[in-house]
Protein backbone atom coordinates (compact mmCIF):
# COMPACT_ATOMS: atom_id res chain seq x y z
CA UNK A 1 0.00 0.00 0.00
CA UNK A 2 1.43 3.35 -0.99
CA UNK A 3 1.48 5.67 2.03
CA UNK A 4 1.51 9.02 0.27
CA UNK A 5 -1.61 10.40 1.96
CA UNK A 6 -2.06 8.59 5.29
CA UNK A 7 -4.73 9.56 7.83
CA UNK A 8 -3.71 12.22 10.31
CA UNK A 9 -4.31 9.76 13.17
CA UNK A 10 -1.75 7.33 11.73
CA UNK A 11 0.94 10.02 11.64
CA UNK A 12 0.16 11.03 15.21
CA UNK A 13 0.36 7.41 16.35
CA UNK A 14 3.74 6.91 14.67
CA UNK A 15 5.03 10.22 16.07
CA UNK A 16 4.00 9.23 19.59
CA UNK A 17 5.73 5.86 19.28
CA UNK A 18 8.98 7.57 18.33
CA UNK A 19 8.71 10.12 21.12
CA UNK A 20 8.03 7.45 23.77
CA UNK A 21 10.68 4.99 22.58
CA UNK A 22 13.60 4.28 24.99
CA UNK A 23 15.91 4.64 21.97
CA UNK A 24 14.87 8.28 21.56
CA UNK A 25 15.35 9.12 25.23
CA UNK A 26 18.75 7.43 25.42
CA UNK A 27 20.10 9.25 22.36
CA UNK A 28 18.73 12.59 23.55
CA UNK A 29 20.64 12.29 26.81
CA UNK A 30 23.82 11.17 25.04
CA UNK A 31 23.55 14.03 22.54
CA UNK A 32 23.20 16.59 25.33
CA UNK A 33 26.20 15.18 27.19
CA UNK A 34 28.39 15.13 24.07
CA UNK A 35 27.44 18.48 22.52
CA UNK A 36 25.91 20.62 25.26
CA UNK A 37 22.78 21.02 23.11
CA UNK A 38 19.29 19.67 23.54
CA UNK A 39 16.83 18.77 20.82
CA UNK A 40 13.12 18.03 20.56
CA UNK A 41 10.95 15.95 18.25
CA UNK A 42 8.09 17.91 16.71
CA UNK A 43 5.38 16.67 14.34
CA UNK A 44 5.64 17.58 10.68
CA UNK A 45 2.26 19.29 10.60
CA UNK A 46 3.43 22.83 9.88
CA UNK A 47 1.19 24.85 12.18
CA UNK A 48 1.50 22.49 15.13
CA UNK A 49 5.26 22.12 14.71
CA UNK A 50 5.75 25.88 14.62
CA UNK A 51 3.58 26.41 17.67
CA UNK A 52 5.33 23.73 19.70
CA UNK A 53 8.78 25.12 18.91
CA UNK A 54 7.63 28.66 19.72
CA UNK A 55 6.07 27.74 23.07
CA UNK A 56 8.75 25.27 24.13
CA UNK A 57 11.83 27.29 23.14
CA UNK A 58 14.83 25.86 24.95
CA UNK A 59 16.64 29.22 25.17
CA UNK A 60 15.78 31.62 27.99
CA UNK A 61 15.43 34.47 25.49
CA UNK A 62 13.00 32.47 23.33
CA UNK A 63 10.92 31.54 26.38
CA UNK A 64 10.83 35.17 27.51
CA UNK A 65 9.82 36.47 24.07
CA UNK A 66 7.04 33.89 23.85
CA UNK A 67 5.48 35.17 27.07
CA UNK A 68 4.56 38.26 25.04
CA UNK A 69 1.78 37.63 22.51
CA UNK A 70 3.28 39.96 19.91
CA UNK A 71 6.75 38.52 20.38
CA UNK A 72 5.33 34.99 20.10
CA UNK A 73 3.79 35.82 16.73
CA UNK A 74 7.16 37.11 15.51
CA UNK A 75 8.91 33.91 16.57
CA UNK A 76 6.16 31.74 15.06
CA UNK A 77 6.72 33.45 11.71
CA UNK A 78 10.44 32.55 11.88
CA UNK A 79 9.58 28.92 12.66
CA UNK A 80 7.08 28.68 9.81
CA UNK A 81 9.71 29.96 7.40
CA UNK A 82 12.20 27.38 8.65
CA UNK A 83 9.63 24.57 8.31
CA UNK A 84 8.87 25.56 4.72
CA UNK A 85 12.56 25.72 3.83
CA UNK A 86 13.31 22.27 5.24
CA UNK A 87 13.11 19.63 2.51
CA UNK A 88 14.72 16.20 2.65
CA UNK A 89 17.77 17.31 4.62
CA UNK A 90 18.74 19.45 7.61
CA UNK A 91 18.05 23.17 7.27
CA UNK A 92 19.47 25.92 9.51
CA UNK A 93 18.16 29.46 9.90
CA UNK A 94 19.43 32.44 11.88
CA UNK A 95 16.51 34.42 13.28
CA UNK A 96 16.10 38.17 13.69
CA UNK A 97 17.70 37.91 17.16
CA UNK A 98 20.84 36.26 15.80
CA UNK A 99 20.02 32.83 17.25
CA UNK A 100 20.64 29.80 15.09
CA UNK A 101 18.10 26.95 14.88
CA UNK A 102 18.08 23.75 12.82
CA UNK A 103 15.39 21.32 11.71
CA UNK A 104 16.30 17.78 10.63
CA UNK A 105 13.52 15.78 8.90
CA UNK A 106 12.64 12.26 10.01
CA UNK A 107 11.26 10.53 6.92
CA UNK A 108 9.20 7.45 6.19
CA UNK A 109 9.07 6.38 2.56
CA UNK A 110 10.01 9.84 1.30
CA UNK A 111 7.42 11.52 3.54
CA UNK A 112 8.38 13.65 6.55
CA UNK A 113 6.78 12.41 9.78
CA UNK A 114 8.56 14.71 12.24
CA UNK A 115 11.49 17.07 12.71
CA UNK A 116 14.38 17.00 15.13
CA UNK A 117 14.73 20.59 16.30
CA UNK A 118 17.86 21.97 17.94
CA UNK A 119 19.67 25.26 18.43
CA UNK A 120 18.23 28.55 19.64
CA UNK A 121 21.79 29.55 20.52
CA UNK A 122 24.49 31.80 19.12
CA UNK A 123 26.84 30.13 16.64
CA UNK A 124 29.23 32.21 14.65
CA UNK A 125 28.73 35.98 14.59
CA UNK A 126 25.11 36.15 15.76
CA UNK A 127 25.79 38.06 18.97
CA UNK A 128 27.84 40.72 17.14
CA UNK A 129 24.63 42.23 15.76
CA UNK A 130 23.99 43.79 19.16
CA UNK A 131 20.69 43.83 21.04
CA UNK A 132 19.64 47.24 19.77
CA UNK A 133 18.87 45.77 16.35
CA UNK A 134 16.85 43.03 18.04
CA UNK A 135 15.02 45.65 20.10
CA UNK A 136 14.14 47.56 16.93
CA UNK A 137 12.57 44.44 15.46
CA UNK A 138 10.58 43.78 18.64
CA UNK A 139 9.37 47.38 18.76
CA UNK A 140 8.24 47.02 15.16
CA UNK A 141 5.82 44.24 16.13
CA UNK A 142 4.54 46.18 19.14
CA UNK A 143 6.70 45.13 22.12
CA UNK A 144 6.83 48.04 24.59
CA UNK A 145 10.14 49.59 25.70
CA UNK A 146 9.48 48.65 29.33
CA UNK A 147 9.44 44.97 28.29
CA UNK A 148 12.80 45.10 26.54
CA UNK A 149 15.13 45.17 29.57
CA UNK A 150 14.43 41.58 30.78
CA UNK A 151 14.57 40.42 27.16
CA UNK A 152 17.97 42.04 26.77
CA UNK A 153 19.25 40.24 29.87
CA UNK A 154 17.97 36.90 28.58
CA UNK A 155 19.49 37.57 25.15
CA UNK A 156 22.91 38.34 26.69
CA UNK A 157 22.71 35.12 28.75
CA UNK A 158 22.04 32.90 25.70
CA UNK A 159 24.59 30.13 25.18
CA UNK A 160 27.14 30.32 22.37
CA UNK A 161 29.02 27.62 20.46
CA UNK A 162 31.78 27.84 17.84
CA UNK A 163 30.24 27.46 14.39
CA UNK A 164 32.27 24.31 13.62
CA UNK A 165 31.05 22.61 16.78
CA UNK A 166 27.45 23.53 16.05
CA UNK A 167 27.70 22.16 12.51
CA UNK A 168 29.25 18.95 13.85
CA UNK A 169 26.33 18.58 16.25
CA UNK A 170 23.88 18.97 13.35
CA UNK A 171 25.69 16.20 11.49
CA UNK A 172 25.26 13.89 14.49
CA UNK A 173 21.58 14.80 14.63
CA UNK A 174 21.17 14.03 10.91
CA UNK A 175 22.64 10.57 11.51
CA UNK A 176 20.17 10.06 14.36
CA UNK A 177 17.30 11.09 12.05
CA UNK A 178 18.33 8.25 9.71
CA UNK A 179 18.27 5.84 12.65
CA UNK A 180 14.79 7.05 13.61
CA UNK A 181 13.70 6.43 10.00
CA UNK A 182 15.02 2.88 10.39
CA UNK A 183 12.97 2.52 13.56
CA UNK A 184 9.86 3.74 11.73
CA UNK A 185 10.33 1.13 9.03
CA UNK A 186 10.77 -1.61 11.62
CA UNK A 187 7.64 -0.52 13.47
CA UNK A 188 5.65 -0.78 10.26
CA UNK A 189 7.12 -4.00 8.89
CA UNK A 190 7.33 -5.94 12.16
CA UNK A 191 3.93 -5.23 13.75
CA UNK A 192 2.66 -8.79 13.40
CA UNK A 193 1.00 -9.46 16.76
CA UNK A 194 -2.50 -9.75 15.30
CA UNK A 195 -1.56 -11.06 11.87
CA UNK A 196 -2.87 -14.42 10.62
CA UNK A 197 -0.43 -17.30 10.92
CA UNK A 198 -0.27 -17.53 7.13
CA UNK A 199 1.16 -13.99 6.99
CA UNK A 200 3.50 -14.60 9.92
CA UNK A 201 4.87 -17.76 8.27
CA UNK A 202 5.22 -15.95 4.96
CA UNK A 203 7.25 -13.15 6.56
CA UNK A 204 9.54 -15.66 8.23
CA UNK A 205 10.09 -17.34 4.86
CA UNK A 206 10.77 -14.01 3.16
CA UNK A 207 13.23 -12.86 5.80
CA UNK A 208 15.13 -16.14 5.51
CA UNK A 209 15.40 -15.88 1.71
CA UNK A 210 15.76 -12.14 1.07
CA UNK A 211 18.85 -12.59 -1.10
CA UNK A 212 16.92 -14.90 -3.45
CA UNK A 213 14.44 -14.02 -6.18
CA UNK A 214 11.10 -14.06 -4.37
CA UNK A 215 7.88 -14.30 -6.34
CA UNK A 216 4.25 -14.22 -5.27
CA UNK A 217 3.83 -17.82 -6.43
CA UNK A 218 6.84 -19.00 -4.42
CA UNK A 219 5.73 -17.35 -1.19
CA UNK A 220 2.10 -18.41 -1.58
CA UNK A 221 3.25 -21.95 -2.36
CA UNK A 222 5.33 -22.06 0.81
CA UNK A 223 2.30 -21.26 2.98
CA UNK A 224 0.09 -23.53 0.82
CA UNK A 225 -2.58 -21.08 -0.33
CA UNK A 226 -3.47 -19.68 -3.75
CA UNK A 227 -1.57 -16.60 -4.94
CA UNK A 228 -4.82 -14.63 -5.28
CA UNK A 229 -5.94 -15.41 -1.71
CA UNK A 230 -2.48 -14.80 -0.27
CA UNK A 231 -2.07 -11.45 -2.07
CA UNK A 232 -5.38 -10.20 -0.69
CA UNK A 233 -4.74 -11.52 2.84
CA UNK A 234 -1.19 -10.18 3.04
CA UNK A 235 -2.16 -6.65 2.04
CA UNK A 236 -5.17 -6.66 4.35
CA UNK A 237 -3.13 -7.89 7.34
CA UNK A 238 0.13 -5.96 6.86
CA UNK A 239 -1.08 -2.79 5.14
CA UNK A 240 1.33 -3.19 2.23
CA UNK A 241 1.83 -5.31 -0.85
CA UNK A 242 4.16 -8.29 -0.85
CA UNK A 243 6.61 -6.43 -3.12
CA UNK A 244 6.67 -3.41 -0.82
CA UNK A 245 7.34 -5.58 2.23
CA UNK A 246 10.17 -7.45 0.50
CA UNK A 247 11.80 -4.23 -0.70
CA UNK A 248 11.50 -2.60 2.72
CA UNK A 249 13.23 -5.56 4.35
CA UNK A 250 15.96 -5.56 1.72
CA UNK A 251 16.60 -1.85 2.23
CA UNK A 252 16.89 -2.38 6.00
CA UNK A 253 19.43 -5.14 5.38
CA UNK A 254 21.31 -2.94 2.91
CA UNK A 255 21.64 -0.15 5.49
CA UNK A 256 23.48 -2.51 7.82
CA UNK A 257 25.77 -3.66 5.02
CA UNK A 258 26.55 -0.09 3.95
CA UNK A 259 28.17 0.44 7.35
CA UNK A 260 31.06 -1.66 6.00
CA UNK A 261 33.17 0.75 3.88
CA UNK A 262 34.89 -2.17 2.11
CA UNK A 263 31.64 -3.23 0.41
CA UNK A 264 30.82 -1.53 -2.87
CA UNK A 265 27.27 -0.22 -3.22
CA UNK A 266 26.79 -2.39 -6.32
CA UNK A 267 27.74 -5.51 -4.35
CA UNK A 268 25.39 -4.56 -1.53
CA UNK A 269 22.51 -4.19 -4.00
CA UNK A 270 22.88 -7.74 -5.30
CA UNK A 271 23.79 -9.24 -1.93
CA UNK A 272 20.44 -8.22 -0.44
CA UNK A 273 18.43 -9.57 -3.36
CA UNK A 274 17.81 -6.71 -5.78
CA UNK A 275 17.97 -7.70 -9.42
CA UNK A 276 19.52 -4.45 -10.64
CA UNK A 277 21.35 -1.44 -9.24
CA UNK A 278 18.70 0.94 -10.60
CA UNK A 279 15.97 -0.99 -8.78
CA UNK A 280 18.06 -0.87 -5.59
CA UNK A 281 18.61 2.88 -5.88
CA UNK A 282 14.90 3.58 -6.46
CA UNK A 283 13.81 1.42 -3.53
CA UNK A 284 16.47 2.78 -1.20
CA UNK A 285 15.50 6.38 -1.96
CA UNK A 286 11.82 5.54 -1.51
CA UNK A 287 12.13 3.82 1.87
CA UNK A 288 15.22 5.49 3.36
CA UNK A 289 14.53 8.98 2.00
CA UNK A 290 18.11 9.34 0.71
CA UNK A 291 20.28 7.63 -1.90
CA UNK A 292 22.64 4.79 -0.82
CA UNK A 293 25.65 7.01 -1.55
CA UNK A 294 24.38 9.86 0.60
CA UNK A 295 23.32 7.46 3.36
CA UNK A 296 26.84 6.05 3.56
CA UNK A 297 28.43 9.52 3.37
CA UNK A 298 26.31 10.93 6.21
CA UNK A 299 26.92 7.87 8.35
CA UNK A 300 30.68 8.09 7.78
CA UNK A 301 30.67 11.81 8.67
CA UNK A 302 28.76 11.14 11.88
CA UNK A 303 31.17 8.34 12.85
CA UNK A 304 34.19 10.61 12.29
CA UNK A 305 32.70 13.41 14.37
CA UNK A 306 31.74 11.01 17.15
CA UNK A 307 35.32 9.69 17.20
CA UNK A 308 36.72 13.23 17.35
CA UNK A 309 34.36 14.15 20.21
CA UNK A 310 35.45 11.04 22.12
CA UNK A 311 39.18 11.69 21.58
């Protein structure tokens, strides 16, 4: 089943599963300890994502501004712009106050489910603008002069990181977004608690023979039902076609193999059962949200930065 236009409830359910997963909480703590930054997971629905980031700003200045209705509207506009600019990769924006913020998309089958949001700090030359320029912008939207003094204090107290360190942290977060995408795929392909035994047995057979050429007739024959009946039952029980399930599982296997730099991408494609490199590239982009080459490159970059941080 193609998931291009899923119900809103399905996206909310998937988002909640990610947010509540122990994996998410463990990485968030490790990221904070390694980089000094925090991040949050916000849903991809533009208006809700913008509102959540505006209300739950991690910086003291952002929190203070959002206590003022007019200041909150100004921040929400910045967040909406950042959301619209974010495509299939991390996007960073420096706001009117000189604070840098980044959104990293978490994708499922080429569709963004949520964003990892980090920043709201100074990185680079943001503080050099001076608060007077920030004050002018706040006055323009109606913030009174008497409200500017506490905002100035909060602005001066905002944390600052070297630009190179901030960019390295974003790279680590992009690698985590890929891991969350992996988790999404596993949640979808491995939810078999209520599936008929025919489907469960078929999935076991598929997973044991992924590197082979798998046809509908072969899988249906293994579970001893007609291809027509099996095709209908499998889609009804799993929410996807047999071909989609097989390709998803092969892409998950390929991701693990791509962690080995000695394996060529062409070899990985055939090792996991794809019949051509072009078919592998199309499926990988569809289910991972990035090409195999970019996936490997981003993973290698994250590994190098993690090693440097640990040194």
